[in-house]
């Protein structure tokens, strides 16, 4: 029997249902949700964003631990996308990802598009130590590998901004 608690957990963990939409790269939905959340808190102060991120990380670890069991699709099912929100928010702590940057002297793009591409690359490829961290039990592995992808993204964006300013 499916309880309301199980259904609510699955609904939130799947990014309010968007993670259940069939798409080859399910995490893309979580990244889009992360961009929306980052936009909503973009004008808030740094301390607010850090506190929100810490609360979100802890809540997401608990939530995804439960959701992983409820979905019954093995370790870190693709329909769980709320973990990407924490990753995007971590990167948005350090940059205004909604500003325009100029690449190659003429091409103006919003920084969030670069963030989406770079974060997506690191989230998909899981460079060291993300692949190992992902093996941690429950929500720990689900969330911490995204924070590692966000750390690599933040470093990459800092380099990109240094080069293209």
Foldseek 3Di string as FASTA:
>chain_A
DDDPVLVVLLCVQLVNQQLVPDDPQSLLVLLVSLVVVCVVCVPPDLVVLVVVLVVLLVVQQVSQLSNCVSVVPDQQDSSRRPLLSSLSSVLSSVDSQQDWFDPPNHDIDRNSVVLSVQLSVCLVVQPPPLVVQLPPHTSRNNNVSSNVSSVSSNVVVVVVVVVRD
